[in-house]
Protein backbone atom coordinates (compact mmCIF):
# COMPACT_ATOMS: atom_id res chain seq x y z
CA MET A 1 -129.91 -28.09 -12.56
CA THR A 2 -131.47 -24.95 -14.07
CA ALA A 3 -133.61 -22.51 -12.13
CA LEU A 4 -136.72 -23.65 -14.00
CA ALA A 5 -136.04 -27.30 -13.24
CA SER A 6 -135.69 -26.43 -9.57
CA TRP A 7 -139.06 -24.73 -9.58
CA PHE A 8 -140.60 -27.73 -11.33
CA LEU A 9 -139.29 -29.98 -8.60
CA LEU A 10 -140.80 -27.70 -5.98
CA ALA A 11 -144.11 -28.10 -7.81
CA GLY A 12 -143.77 -31.84 -7.53
CA ALA A 13 -142.76 -32.96 -11.01
CA GLY A 14 -140.38 -32.27 -13.87
CA PRO A 15 -141.29 -31.67 -17.51
CA ALA A 16 -142.71 -34.70 -19.27
CA ARG A 17 -140.19 -34.54 -22.11
CA ALA A 18 -137.69 -32.15 -23.65
CA ASN A 19 -137.63 -30.27 -26.93
CA CYS A 20 -140.32 -29.21 -29.36
CA SER A 21 -140.63 -30.58 -32.88
CA ARG A 22 -139.60 -27.22 -34.38
CA ILE A 23 -138.70 -23.64 -33.46
CA ILE A 24 -141.66 -21.85 -31.86
CA ARG A 25 -142.56 -18.53 -33.53
CA VAL A 26 -143.16 -15.70 -31.04
CA PRO A 27 -143.86 -12.25 -32.53
CA ILE A 28 -143.80 -9.67 -29.73
CA SER A 29 -144.31 -5.97 -29.21
CA PRO A 30 -143.32 -3.66 -26.32
CA VAL A 31 -145.70 -4.07 -23.36
CA GLY A 32 -144.45 -2.20 -20.30
CA LEU A 33 -141.75 -4.27 -18.62
CA GLY A 34 -143.56 -7.43 -19.68
CA VAL A 35 -141.85 -7.21 -23.07
CA VAL A 36 -139.01 -4.75 -23.66
CA THR A 37 -137.44 -4.16 -27.06
CA SER A 38 -134.39 -2.01 -27.78
CA GLY A 39 -132.78 -2.16 -31.18
CA GLY A 40 -132.54 -5.86 -31.91
CA ALA A 41 -132.53 -6.88 -28.24
CA VAL A 42 -135.58 -8.40 -26.56
CA GLY A 43 -136.11 -8.60 -22.80
CA GLY A 44 -138.68 -8.23 -20.07
CA VAL A 45 -140.81 -10.61 -18.02
CA TYR A 46 -142.16 -12.88 -20.74
CA PRO A 47 -138.99 -13.21 -22.85
CA GLU A 48 -137.04 -14.07 -19.69
CA LEU A 49 -139.64 -16.69 -18.74
CA LEU A 50 -139.53 -18.28 -22.20
CA ARG A 51 -135.71 -18.27 -22.21
CA ARG A 52 -135.71 -20.10 -18.89
CA ILE A 53 -138.03 -22.68 -20.42
CA GLU A 54 -135.75 -22.87 -23.46
CA ALA A 55 -132.69 -23.48 -21.26
CA ASP A 56 -134.43 -26.25 -19.33
CA THR A 57 -136.26 -28.06 -22.12
CA GLY A 58 -134.34 -27.25 -25.30
CA CYS A 59 -137.57 -25.97 -26.87
CA ARG A 60 -136.40 -22.98 -28.94
CA PHE A 61 -138.28 -19.68 -29.32
CA ASP A 62 -137.79 -17.27 -32.21
CA PHE A 63 -138.70 -13.69 -31.20
CA THR A 64 -139.72 -11.17 -33.86
CA VAL A 65 -140.53 -7.57 -32.94
CA VAL A 66 -143.73 -6.30 -34.59
CA PRO A 67 -146.46 -3.73 -33.79
CA ARG A 68 -149.12 -5.03 -31.41
CA ALA A 69 -151.87 -5.03 -34.05
CA ARG A 70 -149.70 -7.11 -36.36
CA GLN A 71 -148.85 -9.48 -33.51
CA GLU A 72 -152.56 -10.11 -32.99
CA ALA A 73 -153.16 -10.53 -36.73
CA MET A 74 -150.29 -13.02 -37.07
CA PHE A 75 -151.71 -15.14 -34.27
CA GLY A 76 -155.19 -15.04 -35.78
CA SER A 77 -153.89 -16.12 -39.19
CA GLY A 78 -151.76 -18.96 -37.83
CA HIS A 79 -148.41 -17.25 -38.51
CA ALA A 80 -147.55 -17.07 -34.81
CA ASP A 81 -147.39 -19.95 -32.34
CA LEU A 82 -147.71 -17.88 -29.16
CA LEU A 83 -149.59 -14.67 -28.32
CA VAL A 84 -147.88 -13.18 -25.29
CA PRO A 85 -148.86 -11.49 -23.09
CA ALA A 86 -152.60 -11.59 -23.67
CA GLN A 87 -155.78 -11.03 -21.73
CA ARG A 88 -158.17 -13.96 -22.04
CA THR A 89 -161.15 -13.11 -24.28
CA PRO A 90 -163.86 -15.19 -26.03
CA LYS A 91 -162.55 -14.09 -29.44
CA ARG A 92 -159.03 -15.29 -28.69
CA ASP A 93 -160.38 -18.54 -27.26
CA THR A 94 -161.60 -19.43 -30.78
CA ARG A 95 -158.03 -19.20 -32.08
CA GLY A 96 -155.91 -20.80 -29.40
CA GLU A 97 -155.56 -22.49 -26.04
CA PHE A 98 -154.90 -20.31 -23.03
CA VAL A 99 -152.57 -20.69 -20.05
CA ALA A 100 -153.16 -18.19 -17.23
CA MET A 101 -150.17 -16.55 -15.55
CA ALA A 102 -151.85 -13.89 -13.39
CA LYS A 103 -155.04 -12.02 -12.65
CA THR A 104 -155.16 -8.58 -14.23
CA ARG A 105 -157.67 -5.82 -14.81
CA ALA A 106 -157.78 -2.82 -17.09
CA VAL A 107 -158.76 0.50 -15.52
CA LEU A 108 -159.27 4.06 -16.67
CA ILE A 109 -155.92 5.85 -16.43
CA SER A 110 -155.41 9.60 -16.60
CA LEU A 111 -153.32 12.36 -15.05
CA MET A 112 -154.52 13.91 -11.81
CA SER A 113 -157.18 16.58 -12.32
CA ASP A 114 -160.36 17.92 -10.74
CA ARG A 115 -162.69 16.38 -13.35
CA ALA A 116 -165.67 14.36 -12.18
CA PRO A 117 -164.94 10.64 -11.72
CA VAL A 118 -165.87 7.96 -14.26
CA SER A 119 -167.05 4.59 -12.91
CA SER A 120 -168.12 2.62 -16.01
CA MET A 121 -167.51 2.25 -19.73
CA GLN A 122 -171.11 3.35 -20.27
CA GLU A 123 -170.36 6.57 -18.43
CA LEU A 124 -167.16 7.02 -20.43
CA ALA A 125 -169.17 6.67 -23.64
CA GLU A 126 -171.47 9.44 -22.42
CA ARG A 127 -168.66 11.81 -21.39
CA ARG A 128 -168.07 13.25 -24.84
CA GLU A 129 -165.62 15.87 -23.58
CA LEU A 130 -163.05 13.15 -22.78
CA ARG A 131 -160.66 12.18 -25.57
CA VAL A 132 -159.59 8.55 -25.28
CA ALA A 133 -156.25 7.07 -26.43
CA LEU A 134 -156.08 3.28 -26.84
CA VAL A 135 -153.48 0.84 -28.14
CA ARG A 136 -154.26 -0.73 -31.49
CA GLY A 137 -154.49 -4.52 -30.98
CA PHE A 138 -155.27 -4.47 -27.24
CA ASP A 139 -158.45 -6.31 -26.31
CA TYR A 140 -160.23 -6.44 -22.95
CA GLY A 141 -163.36 -8.24 -24.09
CA GLU A 142 -166.63 -7.61 -25.87
CA GLY A 143 -167.62 -4.54 -23.86
CA TYR A 144 -164.27 -2.93 -24.58
CA GLN A 145 -164.67 -3.59 -28.29
CA GLN A 146 -168.14 -2.05 -28.22
CA LEU A 147 -166.76 1.02 -26.46
CA LEU A 148 -164.06 1.32 -29.12
CA GLY A 149 -166.71 1.44 -31.83
CA ILE A 150 -168.75 4.07 -29.98
CA LEU A 151 -165.71 6.28 -29.43
CA ARG A 152 -164.74 5.97 -33.08
CA ASP A 153 -168.22 7.01 -34.18
CA GLN A 154 -168.02 9.99 -31.81
CA ARG A 155 -164.65 11.00 -33.33
CA ARG A 156 -162.90 11.14 -29.99
CA LEU A 157 -160.83 7.97 -30.27
CA ILE A 158 -157.07 8.18 -30.72
CA MET A 159 -155.49 4.86 -31.72
CA GLU A 160 -151.78 4.46 -31.01
CA ALA A 161 -149.29 1.74 -31.92
CA ASP A 162 -147.99 1.11 -28.39
CA PRO A 163 -148.37 2.17 -24.73
CA GLY A 164 -145.48 4.63 -25.04
CA ALA A 165 -147.38 6.61 -27.66
CA VAL A 166 -150.45 6.63 -25.39
CA ALA A 167 -148.34 7.99 -22.51
CA ARG A 168 -147.02 10.78 -24.73
CA ALA A 169 -150.55 11.64 -25.87
CA LEU A 170 -151.66 12.04 -22.25
CA GLU A 171 -148.59 14.02 -21.26
CA ARG A 172 -148.95 16.44 -24.20
CA GLY A 173 -152.66 16.96 -23.64
CA LEU A 174 -153.66 15.27 -26.91
CA ALA A 175 -155.81 12.77 -24.98
CA ASP A 176 -157.49 12.86 -21.59
CA VAL A 177 -157.74 9.19 -20.59
CA THR A 178 -156.80 5.66 -21.61
CA VAL A 179 -158.03 2.18 -20.72
CA MET A 180 -155.19 -0.22 -19.96
CA THR A 181 -153.84 -2.57 -17.32
CA PRO A 182 -151.72 -0.44 -14.93
CA TRP A 183 -148.75 -2.83 -14.97
CA ILE A 184 -148.35 -2.20 -18.70
CA PHE A 185 -148.66 1.58 -18.42
CA VAL A 186 -146.41 1.89 -15.36
CA GLY A 187 -143.83 -0.43 -16.91
CA THR A 188 -143.74 1.81 -19.96
CA LEU A 189 -143.13 4.94 -17.86
CA LEU A 190 -140.40 3.24 -15.80
CA GLN A 191 -138.31 2.72 -18.94
CA ASP A 192 -138.13 6.40 -19.91
CA SER A 193 -136.55 8.93 -17.55
CA ARG A 194 -138.45 11.71 -19.32
CA SER A 195 -141.79 10.09 -18.47
CA ARG A 196 -141.15 8.84 -14.94
CA GLY A 197 -142.44 12.09 -13.48
CA MET A 198 -145.90 11.04 -14.66
CA LEU A 199 -145.90 8.17 -12.14
CA GLU A 200 -146.65 10.54 -9.27
CA ARG A 201 -149.60 12.06 -11.15
CA LEU A 202 -151.47 8.94 -12.28
CA ARG A 203 -155.15 8.55 -11.49
CA TYR A 204 -156.68 5.06 -11.58
CA GLU A 205 -160.44 4.52 -11.85
CA PRO A 206 -161.84 0.97 -11.98
CA LEU A 207 -164.64 0.54 -14.52
CA SER A 208 -167.57 -1.62 -13.41
CA GLU A 209 -167.63 -3.69 -16.61
CA LEU A 210 -163.92 -4.53 -16.42
CA GLY A 211 -163.28 -6.83 -13.48
CA TRP A 212 -160.31 -9.06 -12.73
CA GLY A 213 -159.61 -11.53 -15.53
CA ASP A 214 -156.91 -13.98 -16.56
CA SER A 215 -153.81 -12.85 -18.42
CA GLY A 216 -151.11 -15.09 -19.80
CA VAL A 217 -150.19 -16.95 -22.96
CA TYR A 218 -152.21 -18.21 -25.93
CA LEU A 219 -150.95 -21.22 -27.89
CA SER A 220 -152.05 -21.50 -31.51
CA ARG A 221 -154.06 -24.52 -32.60
CA GLN A 222 -151.93 -24.47 -35.76
CA MET A 223 -149.12 -26.01 -33.70
CA SER A 224 -148.84 -29.77 -33.49
CA ALA A 225 -150.91 -31.28 -30.68
CA ALA A 226 -147.76 -32.70 -29.06
CA ASP A 227 -145.95 -29.34 -29.00
CA ARG A 228 -149.04 -27.52 -27.77
CA GLU A 229 -149.66 -30.01 -24.96
CA PHE A 230 -146.02 -29.95 -23.91
CA LEU A 231 -145.82 -26.15 -23.77
CA THR A 232 -149.17 -25.93 -22.02
CA GLU A 233 -147.86 -28.25 -19.30
CA VAL A 234 -144.58 -26.35 -18.94
CA LEU A 235 -146.22 -22.91 -18.84
CA ASP A 236 -148.86 -24.10 -16.37
CA ARG A 237 -146.16 -25.37 -14.02
CA ALA A 238 -144.21 -22.12 -14.38
CA SER A 239 -147.36 -20.29 -13.31
CA LYS A 240 -148.43 -22.50 -10.41
CA SER A 241 -144.90 -22.97 -9.02
CA GLY A 242 -144.46 -19.21 -8.65
CA LEU A 243 -141.71 -18.95 -11.29
CA PHE A 244 -143.66 -16.40 -13.33
CA TRP A 245 -144.23 -14.27 -10.23
CA LYS A 246 -140.53 -14.51 -9.33
CA VAL A 247 -139.55 -13.29 -12.80
CA LEU A 248 -142.14 -10.50 -12.60
CA GLN A 249 -140.67 -9.28 -9.30
CA ARG A 250 -137.21 -9.13 -10.89
CA HIS A 251 -138.46 -6.55 -13.37
CA TYR A 252 -141.14 -4.61 -11.46
CA PRO A 253 -140.36 -2.82 -8.18
CA PRO A 254 -142.83 -3.34 -5.32
CA GLY A 255 -145.81 -1.03 -5.50
CA SER A 256 -145.66 -0.62 -9.27
CA TYR A 257 -148.00 -3.38 -10.44
CA GLU A 258 -150.43 -4.31 -7.64
CA GLU A 259 -153.20 -1.94 -8.79
CA GLY A 260 -153.85 -4.08 -11.85
CA MET A 261 -152.17 -7.45 -11.28
CA LYS A 262 -152.34 -10.17 -8.65
CA PRO A 263 -151.36 -13.86 -8.47
CA LEU A 264 -153.67 -16.69 -9.41
CA ALA A 265 -155.24 -18.40 -6.42
CA SER A 266 -153.19 -21.54 -7.18
CA THR A 267 -149.83 -19.75 -7.38
CA ALA A 268 -147.06 -20.53 -4.89
CA ILE A 269 -145.86 -16.99 -4.18
CA PRO A 270 -142.07 -16.63 -3.85
CA PRO A 271 -140.62 -13.98 -1.52
CA THR A 272 -140.28 -10.47 -2.94
CA SER A 273 -136.97 -10.08 -4.72
CA GLY A 274 -136.72 -6.33 -4.26
CA GLY A 275 -137.22 -5.32 -7.88
CA LYS A 276 -135.13 -5.61 -10.99
């Protein structure tokens, strides 16, 4: 019996059927330790979770590494079956069906300094001295998108292709702050020995408009109804049984993700595994 099947049994039921009608297309981009790419290899929390599902059900996933903005565009145009990981937003809800894996929140992230605190996106928009670096393709809702437009008009927005580029912009003094979920940013720093020193200097500031929201997987409505329903059921069980949280704890050491991620209320929390 596979590990995933064991967790399903703990949740009270096994998968309804095995296999999908075709290979499931999953374009991905580096997102902290959630998705790790190196050369042609793909790893991290979400690829491991999907591979466990593949081993248990026979439903095959085809990973393609692309920039985050292209990943989002492929999902919107129906050329991707899954968008993973993704924060739940009204815009994405029009394009796919969502399965929550965890509660997350984006916060203002910067390096320690004596500058005055920022407590809202409105205040950030008014603080014209602060240069803001964001990841192209990230989306934390309507207010975030409005902020992006304001910053662009003010000519103090720096758009980067991935979280690693944002980290370098902060470290080199090219940007002052970013808005991102801490588990993504910290996961990015943990992968690079040259950037790990930044971990001790990070400053987190919650923004009033960005509370805790759902993060997980979107399934395209371009998929067949049978495949979509099957994967929705499997992913939902992986979430509620605690399998997702168990995989997360294999990759993230304790204390590295709690600032911006917590389990769903319905999740059966497994014991801490002690990191990767």
